[in-house]
Amino acid sequence: MSQQLWIREMVSVMIRWNQYDLYYLAKRLCVPQSMLCRALRGLPVSEDCAYRIICYYLAYHMTTPAPDHDS
């Protein structure tokens, strides 16, 4: 799977985390909204934006507790 597809999936998941607020997500990541739109279309984004997207995505997963499947 190409990097653009991975980035696209990450951005679509992060938009759901942020209640579909593209402006808020762009502000939180410090990237232009146009880069998030490019990512959602599967187009290449700058390395800096890709780095910020990947770091935010991984940081969220590293700090969020795993769901308890026993209950």
PDB file of N, CA and C in Angstrom:
ATOM      1  N   MET A   1       0.857  -1.179   0.000  1.00  0.00           N
ATOM      2  CA  MET A   1       0.000   0.000   0.000  1.00  0.00           C
ATOM      3  C   MET A   1       0.895   1.232   0.000  1.00  0.00           C
ATOM      4  N   SER A   2       0.576   2.191  -0.842  1.00  0.00           N
ATOM      5  CA  SER A   2       1.422   3.379  -0.944  1.00  0.00           C
ATOM      6  C   SER A   2       1.226   4.307   0.258  1.00  0.00           C
ATOM      7  N   GLN A   3       2.192   5.195   0.418  1.00  0.00           N
ATOM      8  CA  GLN A   3       2.129   6.127   1.547  1.00  0.00           C
ATOM      9  C   GLN A   3       0.882   7.004   1.461  1.00  0.00           C
ATOM     10  N   GLN A   4       0.489   7.409   0.244  1.00  0.00           N
ATOM     11  CA  GLN A   4      -0.696   8.261   0.100  1.00  0.00           C
ATOM     12  C   GLN A   4      -1.940   7.563   0.650  1.00  0.00           C
ATOM     13  N   LEU A   5      -2.048   6.265   0.426  1.00  0.00           N
ATOM     14  CA  LEU A   5      -3.227   5.553   0.929  1.00  0.00           C
ATOM     15  C   LEU A   5      -3.210   5.440   2.448  1.00  0.00           C
ATOM     16  N   TRP A   6      -2.031   5.222   3.019  1.00  0.00           N
ATOM     17  CA  TRP A   6      -1.923   5.183   4.489  1.00  0.00           C
ATOM     18  C   TRP A   6      -2.303   6.537   5.081  1.00  0.00           C
ATOM     19  N   ILE A   7      -1.754   7.599   4.492  1.00  0.00           N
ATOM     20  CA  ILE A   7      -2.058   8.957   4.976  1.00  0.00           C
ATOM     21  C   ILE A   7      -3.555   9.224   4.841  1.00  0.00           C
ATOM     22  N   ARG A   8      -4.144   8.817   3.733  1.00  0.00           N
ATOM     23  CA  ARG A   8      -5.576   9.017   3.515  1.00  0.00           C
ATOM     24  C   ARG A   8      -6.393   8.342   4.617  1.00  0.00           C
ATOM     25  N   GLU A   9      -6.061   7.107   4.934  1.00  0.00           N
ATOM     26  CA  GLU A   9      -6.776   6.391   5.990  1.00  0.00           C
ATOM     27  C   GLU A   9      -6.598   7.075   7.347  1.00  0.00           C
ATOM     28  N   MET A  10      -5.386   7.510   7.645  1.00  0.00           N
ATOM     29  CA  MET A  10      -5.126   8.186   8.920  1.00  0.00           C
ATOM     30  C   MET A  10      -5.933   9.465   9.033  1.00  0.00           C
ATOM     31  N   VAL A  11      -5.948  10.271   7.964  1.00  0.00           N
ATOM     32  CA  VAL A  11      -6.689  11.537   7.997  1.00  0.00           C
ATOM     33  C   VAL A  11      -8.185  11.271   8.145  1.00  0.00           C
ATOM     34  N   SER A  12      -8.716  10.287   7.449  1.00  0.00           N
ATOM     35  CA  SER A  12     -10.156  10.017   7.569  1.00  0.00           C
ATOM     36  C   SER A  12     -10.518   9.572   8.984  1.00  0.00           C
ATOM     37  N   VAL A  13      -9.658   8.796   9.620  1.00  0.00           N
ATOM     38  CA  VAL A  13      -9.904   8.383  11.008  1.00  0.00           C
ATOM     39  C   VAL A  13      -9.804   9.588  11.942  1.00  0.00           C
ATOM     40  N   MET A  14      -8.795  10.428  11.751  1.00  0.00           N
ATOM     41  CA  MET A  14      -8.615  11.592  12.628  1.00  0.00           C
ATOM     42  C   MET A  14      -9.759  12.582  12.484  1.00  0.00           C
ATOM     43  N   ILE A  15     -10.316  12.703  11.300  1.00  0.00           N
ATOM     44  CA  ILE A  15     -11.467  13.595  11.123  1.00  0.00           C
ATOM     45  C   ILE A  15     -12.655  13.074  11.932  1.00  0.00           C
ATOM     46  N   ARG A  16     -12.843  11.766  11.966  1.00  0.00           N
ATOM     47  CA  ARG A  16     -13.923  11.209  12.800  1.00  0.00           C
ATOM     48  C   ARG A  16     -13.659  11.482  14.270  1.00  0.00           C
ATOM     49  N   TRP A  17     -12.392  11.361  14.707  1.00  0.00           N
ATOM     50  CA  TRP A  17     -12.056  11.646  16.105  1.00  0.00           C
ATOM     51  C   TRP A  17     -12.428  13.074  16.467  1.00  0.00           C
ATOM     52  N   ASN A  18     -12.315  13.988  15.499  1.00  0.00           N
ATOM     53  CA  ASN A  18     -12.548  15.411  15.742  1.00  0.00           C
ATOM     54  C   ASN A  18     -13.925  15.853  15.254  1.00  0.00           C
ATOM     55  N   GLN A  19     -14.892  14.955  15.289  1.00  0.00           N
ATOM     56  CA  GLN A  19     -16.284  15.232  14.930  1.00  0.00           C
ATOM     57  C   GLN A  19     -16.407  15.885  13.549  1.00  0.00           C
ATOM     58  N   TYR A  20     -15.617  15.407  12.585  1.00  0.00           N
ATOM     59  CA  TYR A  20     -15.671  15.842  11.187  1.00  0.00           C
ATOM     60  C   TYR A  20     -15.367  17.325  11.006  1.00  0.00           C
ATOM     61  N   ASP A  21     -14.600  17.901  11.917  1.00  0.00           N
ATOM     62  CA  ASP A  21     -14.228  19.314  11.824  1.00  0.00           C
ATOM     63  C   ASP A  21     -12.844  19.429  11.183  1.00  0.00           C
ATOM     64  N   LEU A  22     -12.828  19.646   9.874  1.00  0.00           N
ATOM     65  CA  LEU A  22     -11.574  19.727   9.126  1.00  0.00           C
ATOM     66  C   LEU A  22     -10.750  20.932   9.565  1.00  0.00           C
ATOM     67  N   TYR A  23     -11.418  22.060   9.823  1.00  0.00           N
ATOM     68  CA  TYR A  23     -10.707  23.261  10.254  1.00  0.00           C
ATOM     69  C   TYR A  23      -9.975  23.009  11.572  1.00  0.00           C
ATOM     70  N   TYR A  24     -10.655  22.412  12.533  1.00  0.00           N
ATOM     71  CA  TYR A  24     -10.054  22.144  13.839  1.00  0.00           C
ATOM     72  C   TYR A  24      -8.873  21.194  13.709  1.00  0.00           C
ATOM     73  N   LEU A  25      -9.026  20.141  12.912  1.00  0.00           N
ATOM     74  CA  LEU A  25      -7.935  19.186  12.736  1.00  0.00           C
ATOM     75  C   LEU A  25      -6.728  19.850  12.086  1.00  0.00           C
ATOM     76  N   ALA A  26      -6.952  20.674  11.071  1.00  0.00           N
ATOM     77  CA  ALA A  26      -5.842  21.366  10.409  1.00  0.00           C
ATOM     78  C   ALA A  26      -5.131  22.291  11.395  1.00  0.00           C
ATOM     79  N   LYS A  27      -5.908  22.991  12.201  1.00  0.00           N
ATOM     80  CA  LYS A  27      -5.319  23.891  13.192  1.00  0.00           C
ATOM     81  C   LYS A  27      -4.527  23.101  14.230  1.00  0.00           C
ATOM     82  N   ARG A  28      -5.062  21.989  14.665  1.00  0.00           N
ATOM     83  CA  ARG A  28      -4.397  21.157  15.668  1.00  0.00           C
ATOM     84  C   ARG A  28      -3.086  20.576  15.139  1.00  0.00           C
ATOM     85  N   LEU A  29      -3.072  20.194  13.862  1.00  0.00           N
ATOM     86  CA  LEU A  29      -1.869  19.627  13.248  1.00  0.00           C
ATOM     87  C   LEU A  29      -0.901  20.696  12.737  1.00  0.00           C
ATOM     88  N   CYS A  30      -1.355  21.947  12.685  1.00  0.00           N
ATOM     89  CA  CYS A  30      -0.563  23.054  12.113  1.00  0.00           C
ATOM     90  C   CYS A  30      -0.229  22.781  10.649  1.00  0.00           C
ATOM     91  N   VAL A  31      -1.232  22.343   9.899  1.00  0.00           N
ATOM     92  CA  VAL A  31      -1.082  22.124   8.460  1.00  0.00           C
ATOM     93  C   VAL A  31      -2.229  22.836   7.749  1.00  0.00           C
ATOM     94  N   PRO A  32      -2.031  23.214   6.491  1.00  0.00           N
ATOM     95  CA  PRO A  32      -3.122  23.845   5.740  1.00  0.00           C
ATOM     96  C   PRO A  32      -4.277  22.863   5.506  1.00  0.00           C
ATOM     97  N   GLN A  33      -5.485  23.391   5.512  1.00  0.00           N
ATOM     98  CA  GLN A  33      -6.653  22.553   5.235  1.00  0.00           C
ATOM     99  C   GLN A  33      -6.544  21.907   3.860  1.00  0.00           C
ATOM    100  N   SER A  34      -5.925  22.622   2.922  1.00  0.00           N
ATOM    101  CA  SER A  34      -5.781  22.083   1.564  1.00  0.00           C
ATOM    102  C   SER A  34      -4.961  20.799   1.560  1.00  0.00           C
ATOM    103  N   MET A  35      -3.992  20.688   2.476  1.00  0.00           N
ATOM    104  CA  MET A  35      -3.190  19.462   2.545  1.00  0.00           C
ATOM    105  C   MET A  35      -4.035  18.300   3.059  1.00  0.00           C
ATOM    106  N   LEU A  36      -4.926  18.565   3.994  1.00  0.00           N
ATOM    107  CA  LEU A  36      -5.814  17.506   4.475  1.00  0.00           C
ATOM    108  C   LEU A  36      -6.778  17.073   3.368  1.00  0.00           C
ATOM    109  N   CYS A  37      -7.246  18.028   2.582  1.00  0.00           N
ATOM    110  CA  CYS A  37      -8.125  17.693   1.456  1.00  0.00           C
ATOM    111  C   CYS A  37      -7.378  16.862   0.421  1.00  0.00           C
ATOM    112  N   ARG A  38      -6.117  17.226   0.157  1.00  0.00           N
ATOM    113  CA  ARG A  38      -5.298  16.437  -0.774  1.00  0.00           C
ATOM    114  C   ARG A  38      -5.123  15.017  -0.247  1.00  0.00           C
ATOM    115  N   ALA A  39      -4.868  14.902   1.037  1.00  0.00           N
ATOM    116  CA  ALA A  39      -4.677  13.578   1.635  1.00  0.00           C
ATOM    117  C   ALA A  39      -5.948  12.741   1.516  1.00  0.00           C
ATOM    118  N   LEU A  40      -7.105  13.365   1.727  1.00  0.00           N
ATOM    119  CA  LEU A  40      -8.371  12.633   1.631  1.00  0.00           C
ATOM    120  C   LEU A  40      -8.658  12.153   0.209  1.00  0.00           C
ATOM    121  N   ARG A  41      -8.120  12.864  -0.774  1.00  0.00           N
ATOM    122  CA  ARG A  41      -8.284  12.447  -2.170  1.00  0.00           C
ATOM    123  C   ARG A  41      -7.222  11.444  -2.597  1.00  0.00           C
ATOM    124  N   GLY A  42      -6.288  11.128  -1.704  1.00  0.00           N
ATOM    125  CA  GLY A  42      -5.233  10.175  -2.034  1.00  0.00           C
ATOM    126  C   GLY A  42      -4.093  10.786  -2.817  1.00  0.00           C
ATOM    127  N   LEU A  43      -4.012  12.121  -2.815  1.00  0.00           N
ATOM    128  CA  LEU A  43      -2.937  12.814  -3.526  1.00  0.00           C
ATOM    129  C   LEU A  43      -1.741  13.000  -2.602  1.00  0.00           C
ATOM    130  N   PRO A  44      -0.561  13.184  -3.164  1.00  0.00           N
ATOM    131  CA  PRO A  44       0.629  13.375  -2.320  1.00  0.00           C
ATOM    132  C   PRO A  44       0.537  14.662  -1.497  1.00  0.00           C
ATOM    133  N   VAL A  45       1.065  14.612  -0.294  1.00  0.00           N
ATOM    134  CA  VAL A  45       1.175  15.789   0.567  1.00  0.00           C
ATOM    135  C   VAL A  45       2.652  16.008   0.861  1.00  0.00           C
ATOM    136  N   SER A  46       2.979  17.192   1.349  1.00  0.00           N
ATOM    137  CA  SER A  46       4.377  17.485   1.650  1.00  0.00           C
ATOM    138  C   SER A  46       4.883  16.558   2.755  1.00  0.00           C
ATOM    139  N   GLU A  47       6.183  16.365   2.784  1.00  0.00           N
ATOM    140  CA  GLU A  47       6.767  15.486   3.803  1.00  0.00           C
ATOM    141  C   GLU A  47       6.498  16.001   5.206  1.00  0.00           C
ATOM    142  N   ASP A  48       6.536  17.329   5.372  1.00  0.00           N
ATOM    143  CA  ASP A  48       6.277  17.917   6.685  1.00  0.00           C
ATOM    144  C   ASP A  48       4.851  17.601   7.147  1.00  0.00           C
ATOM    145  N   CYS A  49       3.886  17.750   6.256  1.00  0.00           N
ATOM    146  CA  CYS A  49       2.492  17.458   6.606  1.00  0.00           C
ATOM    147  C   CYS A  49       2.303  15.972   6.877  1.00  0.00           C
ATOM    148  N   ALA A  50       2.909  15.131   6.060  1.00  0.00           N
ATOM    149  CA  ALA A  50       2.800  13.683   6.274  1.00  0.00           C
ATOM    150  C   ALA A  50       3.376  13.311   7.634  1.00  0.00           C
ATOM    151  N   TYR A  51       4.504  13.906   7.985  1.00  0.00           N
ATOM    152  CA  TYR A  51       5.139  13.638   9.276  1.00  0.00           C
ATOM    153  C   TYR A  51       4.213  14.031  10.421  1.00  0.00           C
ATOM    154  N   ARG A  52       3.592  15.204  10.325  1.00  0.00           N
ATOM    155  CA  ARG A  52       2.685  15.670  11.381  1.00  0.00           C
ATOM    156  C   ARG A  52       1.456  14.767  11.506  1.00  0.00           C
ATOM    157  N   ILE A  53       0.927  14.337  10.372  1.00  0.00           N
ATOM    158  CA  ILE A  53      -0.242  13.456  10.371  1.00  0.00           C
ATOM    159  C   ILE A  53       0.099  12.128  11.040  1.00  0.00           C
ATOM    160  N   ILE A  54       1.210  11.539  10.635  1.00  0.00           N
ATOM    161  CA  ILE A  54       1.617  10.242  11.187  1.00  0.00           C
ATOM    162  C   ILE A  54       1.893  10.349  12.682  1.00  0.00           C
ATOM    163  N   CYS A  55       2.600  11.397  13.095  1.00  0.00           N
ATOM    164  CA  CYS A  55       2.925  11.565  14.522  1.00  0.00           C
ATOM    165  C   CYS A  55       1.668  11.735  15.367  1.00  0.00           C
ATOM    166  N   TYR A  56       0.733  12.553  14.903  1.00  0.00           N
ATOM    167  CA  TYR A  56      -0.508  12.770  15.651  1.00  0.00           C
ATOM    168  C   TYR A  56      -1.296  11.469  15.762  1.00  0.00           C
ATOM    169  N   TYR A  57      -1.389  10.750  14.660  1.00  0.00           N
ATOM    170  CA  TYR A  57      -2.123   9.485  14.636  1.00  0.00           C
ATOM    171  C   TYR A  57      -1.511   8.486  15.615  1.00  0.00           C
ATOM    172  N   LEU A  58      -0.206   8.326  15.556  1.00  0.00           N
ATOM    173  CA  LEU A  58       0.462   7.370  16.442  1.00  0.00           C
ATOM    174  C   LEU A  58       0.418   7.814  17.900  1.00  0.00           C
ATOM    175  N   ALA A  59       0.568   9.110  18.150  1.00  0.00           N
ATOM    176  CA  ALA A  59       0.520   9.611  19.523  1.00  0.00           C
ATOM    177  C   ALA A  59      -0.849   9.341  20.143  1.00  0.00           C
ATOM    178  N   TYR A  60      -1.895   9.486  19.366  1.00  0.00           N
ATOM    179  CA  TYR A  60      -3.240   9.218  19.873  1.00  0.00           C
ATOM    180  C   TYR A  60      -3.366   7.752  20.277  1.00  0.00           C
ATOM    181  N   HIS A  61      -2.877   6.864  19.420  1.00  0.00           N
ATOM    182  CA  HIS A  61      -2.967   5.435  19.718  1.00  0.00           C
ATOM    183  C   HIS A  61      -2.068   5.028  20.875  1.00  0.00           C
ATOM    184  N   MET A  62      -0.964   5.706  21.065  1.00  0.00           N
ATOM    185  CA  MET A  62      -0.046   5.363  22.153  1.00  0.00           C
ATOM    186  C   MET A  62      -0.587   5.827  23.503  1.00  0.00           C
ATOM    187  N   THR A  63      -1.418   6.869  23.516  1.00  0.00           N
ATOM    188  CA  THR A  63      -1.900   7.431  24.775  1.00  0.00           C
ATOM    189  C   THR A  63      -3.333   7.022  25.108  1.00  0.00           C
ATOM    190  N   THR A  64      -4.037   6.405  24.167  1.00  0.00           N
ATOM    191  CA  THR A  64      -5.408   5.980  24.406  1.00  0.00           C
ATOM    192  C   THR A  64      -5.403   4.548  24.915  1.00  0.00           C
ATOM    193  N   PRO A  65      -6.037   4.300  26.053  1.00  0.00           N
ATOM    194  CA  PRO A  65      -6.060   2.925  26.571  1.00  0.00           C
ATOM    195  C   PRO A  65      -6.810   1.989  25.628  1.00  0.00           C
ATOM    196  N   ALA A  66      -6.365   0.771  25.578  1.00  0.00           N
ATOM    197  CA  ALA A  66      -7.022  -0.246  24.754  1.00  0.00           C
ATOM    198  C   ALA A  66      -8.384  -0.570  25.353  1.00  0.00           C
ATOM    199  N   PRO A  67      -9.376  -0.851  24.508  1.00  0.00           N
ATOM    200  CA  PRO A  67     -10.703  -1.188  25.040  1.00  0.00           C
ATOM    201  C   PRO A  67     -10.673  -2.504  25.804  1.00  0.00           C
ATOM    202  N   ASP A  68     -11.500  -2.569  26.829  1.00  0.00           N
ATOM    203  CA  ASP A  68     -11.599  -3.776  27.645  1.00  0.00           C
ATOM    204  C   ASP A  68     -12.627  -4.704  26.996  1.00  0.00           C
ATOM    205  N   HIS A  69     -12.177  -5.813  26.458  1.00  0.00           N
ATOM    206  CA  HIS A  69     -13.073  -6.731  25.757  1.00  0.00           C
ATOM    207  C   HIS A  69     -13.701  -7.767  26.681  1.00  0.00           C
ATOM    208  N   ASP A  70     -13.349  -7.760  27.961  1.00  0.00           N
ATOM    209  CA  ASP A  70     -13.886  -8.744  28.903  1.00  0.00           C
ATOM    210  C   ASP A  70     -15.267  -8.377  29.427  1.00  0.00           C
ATOM    211  N   SER A  71     -15.651  -7.108  29.303  1.00  0.00           N
ATOM    212  CA  SER A  71     -16.928  -6.702  29.892  1.00  0.00           C
ATOM    213  C   SER A  71     -18.081  -6.864  28.953  1.00  0.00           C
TER     214      SER A  71
END
